[in-house]
Amino acid sequence: PIVHQDVKLDQFFFNADKSEVILNDFNRAEFMLWDHRQEAYCKYKEGYGAGNWRSPEEYFDEYLNEKVDVYSLGNNMYSLLTGLWVFNDEPDFGEVQYLVRQGKKPYIDPRYKERSLAESKLVEIIGKCHEYYEEERPSIFEVVEFLRESLEEVHGAMDGNK
């Protein structure tokens, strides 16, 4: 696995003919190493994570794994759903970092759960991506599976309304 460690909306671009989306800026990326004795990927240290888009473990300078990207993906989905940055009412990155370290999640208006099935599903997966402890967050494979199943459910509901 490769951990990008900077998955933000402004890291995605269209290719020249606008047929594909490209993830950019791998300057913080890490290739996870495999420990044959433990039969698991090794966590790594990257140093303190700055900015306002990172996981709690990055703000604590703990050992990291691919779940930091899952947390950031939750931030991206939050912005796509709400049109807002996480903790948009807090302009100070230091305060955002404090809130994340305290386990606070960005506010999602509860009406998103009621407006449509698709929005309700996004609220659900955002909450899972924003789990404080990385071992409680889903893997990226679980996120993709959840989104696939949700899409099928939404399409089924739309077909049923015809």
C-alpha atoms as a PDB file:
ATOM      1  CA  PRO A   1       0.000   0.000   0.000  1.00  0.00           C
ATOM      2  CA  ILE A   2       0.945   3.598  -0.600  1.00  0.00           C
ATOM      3  CA  VAL A   3      -0.162   6.205   1.910  1.00  0.00           C
ATOM      4  CA  HIS A   4      -0.626   9.557   0.172  1.00  0.00           C
ATOM      5  CA  GLN A   5      -0.901  11.426   3.479  1.00  0.00           C
ATOM      6  CA  ASP A   6      -2.243  14.615   1.913  1.00  0.00           C
ATOM      7  CA  VAL A   7      -5.585  13.628   0.363  1.00  0.00           C
ATOM      8  CA  LYS A   8      -7.363  16.956  -0.096  1.00  0.00           C
ATOM      9  CA  LEU A   9      -9.765  18.234  -2.705  1.00  0.00           C
ATOM     10  CA  ASP A  10      -7.124  20.476  -4.257  1.00  0.00           C
ATOM     11  CA  GLN A  11      -4.914  17.438  -4.949  1.00  0.00           C
ATOM     12  CA  PHE A  12      -7.280  16.117  -7.636  1.00  0.00           C
ATOM     13  CA  PHE A  13      -7.059  17.266 -11.251  1.00  0.00           C
ATOM     14  CA  PHE A  14      -8.438  16.285 -14.627  1.00  0.00           C
ATOM     15  CA  ASN A  15      -6.017  14.969 -17.233  1.00  0.00           C
ATOM     16  CA  ALA A  16      -5.530  16.959 -20.451  1.00  0.00           C
ATOM     17  CA  ASP A  17      -8.651  15.650 -22.214  1.00  0.00           C
ATOM     18  CA  LYS A  18     -10.708  15.660 -18.980  1.00  0.00           C
ATOM     19  CA  SER A  19     -11.422  11.945 -19.235  1.00  0.00           C
ATOM     20  CA  GLU A  20      -9.781  10.932 -15.936  1.00  0.00           C
ATOM     21  CA  VAL A  21      -9.201  12.372 -12.493  1.00  0.00           C
ATOM     22  CA  ILE A  22      -5.591  12.339 -11.334  1.00  0.00           C
ATOM     23  CA  LEU A  23      -4.361  12.433  -7.748  1.00  0.00           C
ATOM     24  CA  ASN A  24      -1.449  14.851  -7.454  1.00  0.00           C
ATOM     25  CA  ASP A  25       1.343  15.736  -5.007  1.00  0.00           C
ATOM     26  CA  PHE A  26       2.964  12.629  -3.556  1.00  0.00           C
ATOM     27  CA  ASN A  27       5.651  14.517  -1.628  1.00  0.00           C
ATOM     28  CA  ARG A  28       4.445  13.080   1.715  1.00  0.00           C
ATOM     29  CA  ALA A  29       3.639   9.622   0.342  1.00  0.00           C
ATOM     30  CA  GLU A  30       4.961   6.520   2.081  1.00  0.00           C
ATOM     31  CA  PHE A  31       5.266   2.981   0.767  1.00  0.00           C
ATOM     32  CA  MET A  32       4.317   0.744   3.659  1.00  0.00           C
ATOM     33  CA  LEU A  33       6.809  -2.002   4.370  1.00  0.00           C
ATOM     34  CA  TRP A  34       5.835  -5.602   5.129  1.00  0.00           C
ATOM     35  CA  ASP A  35       7.041  -7.291   8.329  1.00  0.00           C
ATOM     36  CA  HIS A  36       7.377 -11.007   7.525  1.00  0.00           C
ATOM     37  CA  ARG A  37       7.620 -11.990  11.182  1.00  0.00           C
ATOM     38  CA  GLN A  38       4.508 -10.089  12.245  1.00  0.00           C
ATOM     39  CA  GLU A  39       2.770 -10.736   8.911  1.00  0.00           C
ATOM     40  CA  ALA A  40       1.565  -7.147   8.859  1.00  0.00           C
ATOM     41  CA  TYR A  41       2.451  -3.810   7.326  1.00  0.00           C
ATOM     42  CA  CYS A  42       4.700  -1.626   9.445  1.00  0.00           C
ATOM     43  CA  LYS A  43       3.505   1.677  10.771  1.00  0.00           C
ATOM     44  CA  TYR A  44       5.829   4.611  10.222  1.00  0.00           C
ATOM     45  CA  LYS A  45       6.615   8.052  11.638  1.00  0.00           C
ATOM     46  CA  GLU A  46       6.331  11.170   9.509  1.00  0.00           C
ATOM     47  CA  GLY A  47       6.615  13.978  12.018  1.00  0.00           C
ATOM     48  CA  TYR A  48       3.926  16.354  13.180  1.00  0.00           C
ATOM     49  CA  GLY A  49       1.214  16.936  10.579  1.00  0.00           C
ATOM     50  CA  ALA A  50       0.390  20.580   9.969  1.00  0.00           C
ATOM     51  CA  GLY A  51      -2.703  22.059   8.374  1.00  0.00           C
ATOM     52  CA  ASN A  52      -6.401  21.509   8.977  1.00  0.00           C
ATOM     53  CA  TRP A  53      -7.143  18.287   7.061  1.00  0.00           C
ATOM     54  CA  ARG A  54      -5.328  15.599   9.036  1.00  0.00           C
ATOM     55  CA  SER A  55      -6.198  12.716  11.325  1.00  0.00           C
ATOM     56  CA  PRO A  56      -5.813  12.806  15.118  1.00  0.00           C
ATOM     57  CA  GLU A  57      -2.772  10.527  15.037  1.00  0.00           C
ATOM     58  CA  GLU A  58      -0.972  12.914  12.671  1.00  0.00           C
ATOM     59  CA  TYR A  59      -1.550  15.810  15.093  1.00  0.00           C
ATOM     60  CA  PHE A  60      -0.155  13.701  17.936  1.00  0.00           C
ATOM     61  CA  ASP A  61       2.903  12.635  15.874  1.00  0.00           C
ATOM     62  CA  GLU A  62       2.062   8.964  16.419  1.00  0.00           C
ATOM     63  CA  TYR A  63       2.912   5.978  14.264  1.00  0.00           C
ATOM     64  CA  LEU A  64       0.840   6.071  11.090  1.00  0.00           C
ATOM     65  CA  ASN A  65      -0.716   3.773   8.532  1.00  0.00           C
ATOM     66  CA  GLU A  66      -3.078   4.037   5.559  1.00  0.00           C
ATOM     67  CA  LYS A  67      -5.988   4.988   7.819  1.00  0.00           C
ATOM     68  CA  VAL A  68      -4.774   8.612   7.777  1.00  0.00           C
ATOM     69  CA  ASP A  69      -5.970   8.746   4.154  1.00  0.00           C
ATOM     70  CA  VAL A  70      -9.354   7.298   5.149  1.00  0.00           C
ATOM     71  CA  TYR A  71      -9.784  10.087   7.703  1.00  0.00           C
ATOM     72  CA  SER A  72      -8.886  12.716   5.091  1.00  0.00           C
ATOM     73  CA  LEU A  73     -11.254  11.094   2.600  1.00  0.00           C
ATOM     74  CA  GLY A  74     -13.979  11.694   5.182  1.00  0.00           C
ATOM     75  CA  ASN A  75     -13.029  15.385   5.149  1.00  0.00           C
ATOM     76  CA  ASN A  76     -13.280  15.440   1.346  1.00  0.00           C
ATOM     77  CA  MET A  77     -16.705  13.792   1.365  1.00  0.00           C
ATOM     78  CA  TYR A  78     -17.823  16.235   4.069  1.00  0.00           C
ATOM     79  CA  SER A  79     -16.890  19.183   1.840  1.00  0.00           C
ATOM     80  CA  LEU A  80     -18.533  17.656  -1.220  1.00  0.00           C
ATOM     81  CA  LEU A  81     -21.737  17.019   0.745  1.00  0.00           C
ATOM     82  CA  THR A  82     -21.976  20.314   2.628  1.00  0.00           C
ATOM     83  CA  GLY A  83     -20.043  22.733   0.419  1.00  0.00           C
ATOM     84  CA  LEU A  84     -18.018  23.692   3.511  1.00  0.00           C
ATOM     85  CA  TRP A  85     -14.544  22.988   4.872  1.00  0.00           C
ATOM     86  CA  VAL A  86     -14.463  20.901   8.036  1.00  0.00           C
ATOM     87  CA  PHE A  87     -14.737  23.208  11.069  1.00  0.00           C
ATOM     88  CA  ASN A  88     -15.441  26.019   8.594  1.00  0.00           C
ATOM     89  CA  ASP A  89     -16.312  28.432  11.391  1.00  0.00           C
ATOM     90  CA  GLU A  90     -12.792  28.097  12.816  1.00  0.00           C
ATOM     91  CA  PRO A  91     -10.212  29.999  10.701  1.00  0.00           C
ATOM     92  CA  ASP A  92      -7.289  29.116  12.981  1.00  0.00           C
ATOM     93  CA  PHE A  93      -5.591  25.859  11.917  1.00  0.00           C
ATOM     94  CA  GLY A  94      -4.257  25.443  15.465  1.00  0.00           C
ATOM     95  CA  GLU A  95      -7.801  25.450  16.830  1.00  0.00           C
ATOM     96  CA  VAL A  96      -8.899  22.930  14.170  1.00  0.00           C
ATOM     97  CA  GLN A  97      -5.994  20.693  15.184  1.00  0.00           C
ATOM     98  CA  TYR A  98      -7.004  21.029  18.844  1.00  0.00           C
ATOM     99  CA  LEU A  99     -10.609  20.063  18.046  1.00  0.00           C
ATOM    100  CA  VAL A 100      -9.488  16.990  16.074  1.00  0.00           C
ATOM    101  CA  ARG A 101      -7.076  15.950  18.850  1.00  0.00           C
ATOM    102  CA  GLN A 102     -10.007  16.219  21.293  1.00  0.00           C
ATOM    103  CA  GLY A 103     -12.045  13.833  19.141  1.00  0.00           C
ATOM    104  CA  LYS A 104     -14.491  16.462  17.892  1.00  0.00           C
ATOM    105  CA  LYS A 105     -16.133  15.797  14.553  1.00  0.00           C
ATOM    106  CA  PRO A 106     -17.205  18.555  12.174  1.00  0.00           C
ATOM    107  CA  TYR A 107     -20.877  19.445  12.457  1.00  0.00           C
ATOM    108  CA  ILE A 108     -23.202  17.899   9.883  1.00  0.00           C
ATOM    109  CA  ASP A 109     -26.692  19.324   9.781  1.00  0.00           C
ATOM    110  CA  PRO A 110     -29.026  16.423  10.708  1.00  0.00           C
ATOM    111  CA  ARG A 111     -31.297  17.334   7.791  1.00  0.00           C
ATOM    112  CA  TYR A 112     -28.760  15.692   5.455  1.00  0.00           C
ATOM    113  CA  LYS A 113     -29.863  12.347   6.903  1.00  0.00           C
ATOM    114  CA  GLU A 114     -33.462  13.064   5.925  1.00  0.00           C
ATOM    115  CA  ARG A 115     -33.205  14.809   2.545  1.00  0.00           C
ATOM    116  CA  SER A 116     -32.262  11.804   0.450  1.00  0.00           C
ATOM    117  CA  LEU A 117     -30.976   8.263   0.731  1.00  0.00           C
ATOM    118  CA  ALA A 118     -27.731   9.264  -1.024  1.00  0.00           C
ATOM    119  CA  GLU A 119     -27.039  12.090   1.420  1.00  0.00           C
ATOM    120  CA  SER A 120     -27.917   9.863   4.358  1.00  0.00           C
ATOM    121  CA  LYS A 121     -25.396   7.268   3.159  1.00  0.00           C
ATOM    122  CA  LEU A 122     -22.703   9.946   2.776  1.00  0.00           C
ATOM    123  CA  VAL A 123     -23.339  11.157   6.326  1.00  0.00           C
ATOM    124  CA  GLU A 124     -22.969   7.569   7.528  1.00  0.00           C
ATOM    125  CA  ILE A 125     -19.651   6.892   5.791  1.00  0.00           C
ATOM    126  CA  ILE A 126     -18.237  10.291   6.755  1.00  0.00           C
ATOM    127  CA  GLY A 127     -18.910   9.399  10.385  1.00  0.00           C
ATOM    128  CA  LYS A 128     -17.095   6.084   9.970  1.00  0.00           C
ATOM    129  CA  CYS A 129     -14.112   7.760   8.256  1.00  0.00           C
ATOM    130  CA  HIS A 130     -13.922  10.269  11.109  1.00  0.00           C
ATOM    131  CA  GLU A 131     -13.565   7.638  13.837  1.00  0.00           C
ATOM    132  CA  TYR A 132     -11.032   8.951  16.343  1.00  0.00           C
ATOM    133  CA  TYR A 133      -9.078   5.713  16.749  1.00  0.00           C
ATOM    134  CA  GLU A 134      -7.584   4.472  13.488  1.00  0.00           C
ATOM    135  CA  GLU A 135      -8.299   0.837  14.342  1.00  0.00           C
ATOM    136  CA  GLU A 136     -12.018   1.701  14.446  1.00  0.00           C
ATOM    137  CA  ARG A 137     -11.961   3.389  11.013  1.00  0.00           C
ATOM    138  CA  PRO A 138     -12.867   1.300   7.987  1.00  0.00           C
ATOM    139  CA  SER A 139     -10.216   0.301   5.511  1.00  0.00           C
ATOM    140  CA  ILE A 140     -10.320   2.008   2.133  1.00  0.00           C
ATOM    141  CA  PHE A 141     -11.634  -1.281   0.731  1.00  0.00           C
ATOM    142  CA  GLU A 142     -14.521  -1.187   3.217  1.00  0.00           C
ATOM    143  CA  VAL A 143     -15.244   2.438   2.266  1.00  0.00           C
ATOM    144  CA  VAL A 144     -15.328   1.539  -1.438  1.00  0.00           C
ATOM    145  CA  GLU A 145     -17.612  -1.442  -0.741  1.00  0.00           C
ATOM    146  CA  PHE A 146     -19.934   0.720   1.366  1.00  0.00           C
ATOM    147  CA  LEU A 147     -20.131   3.324  -1.415  1.00  0.00           C
ATOM    148  CA  ARG A 148     -20.801   0.634  -4.059  1.00  0.00           C
ATOM    149  CA  GLU A 149     -23.570  -0.925  -1.999  1.00  0.00           C
ATOM    150  CA  SER A 150     -25.023   2.510  -1.248  1.00  0.00           C
ATOM    151  CA  LEU A 151     -25.023   3.400  -4.940  1.00  0.00           C
ATOM    152  CA  GLU A 152     -26.859   0.177  -5.750  1.00  0.00           C
ATOM    153  CA  GLU A 153     -29.356   0.908  -2.970  1.00  0.00           C
ATOM    154  CA  VAL A 154     -29.910   4.461  -4.239  1.00  0.00           C
ATOM    155  CA  HIS A 155     -30.367   3.229  -7.822  1.00  0.00           C
ATOM    156  CA  GLY A 156     -32.788   0.572  -6.594  1.00  0.00           C
ATOM    157  CA  ALA A 157     -34.786   3.167  -4.705  1.00  0.00           C
ATOM    158  CA  MET A 158     -34.857   5.404  -7.794  1.00  0.00           C
ATOM    159  CA  ASP A 159     -36.015   2.509  -9.980  1.00  0.00           C
ATOM    160  CA  GLY A 160     -38.742   1.743  -7.458  1.00  0.00           C
ATOM    161  CA  ASN A 161     -40.035   5.317  -7.718  1.00  0.00           C
ATOM    162  CA  LYS A 162     -40.687   5.058 -11.470  1.00  0.00           C
END
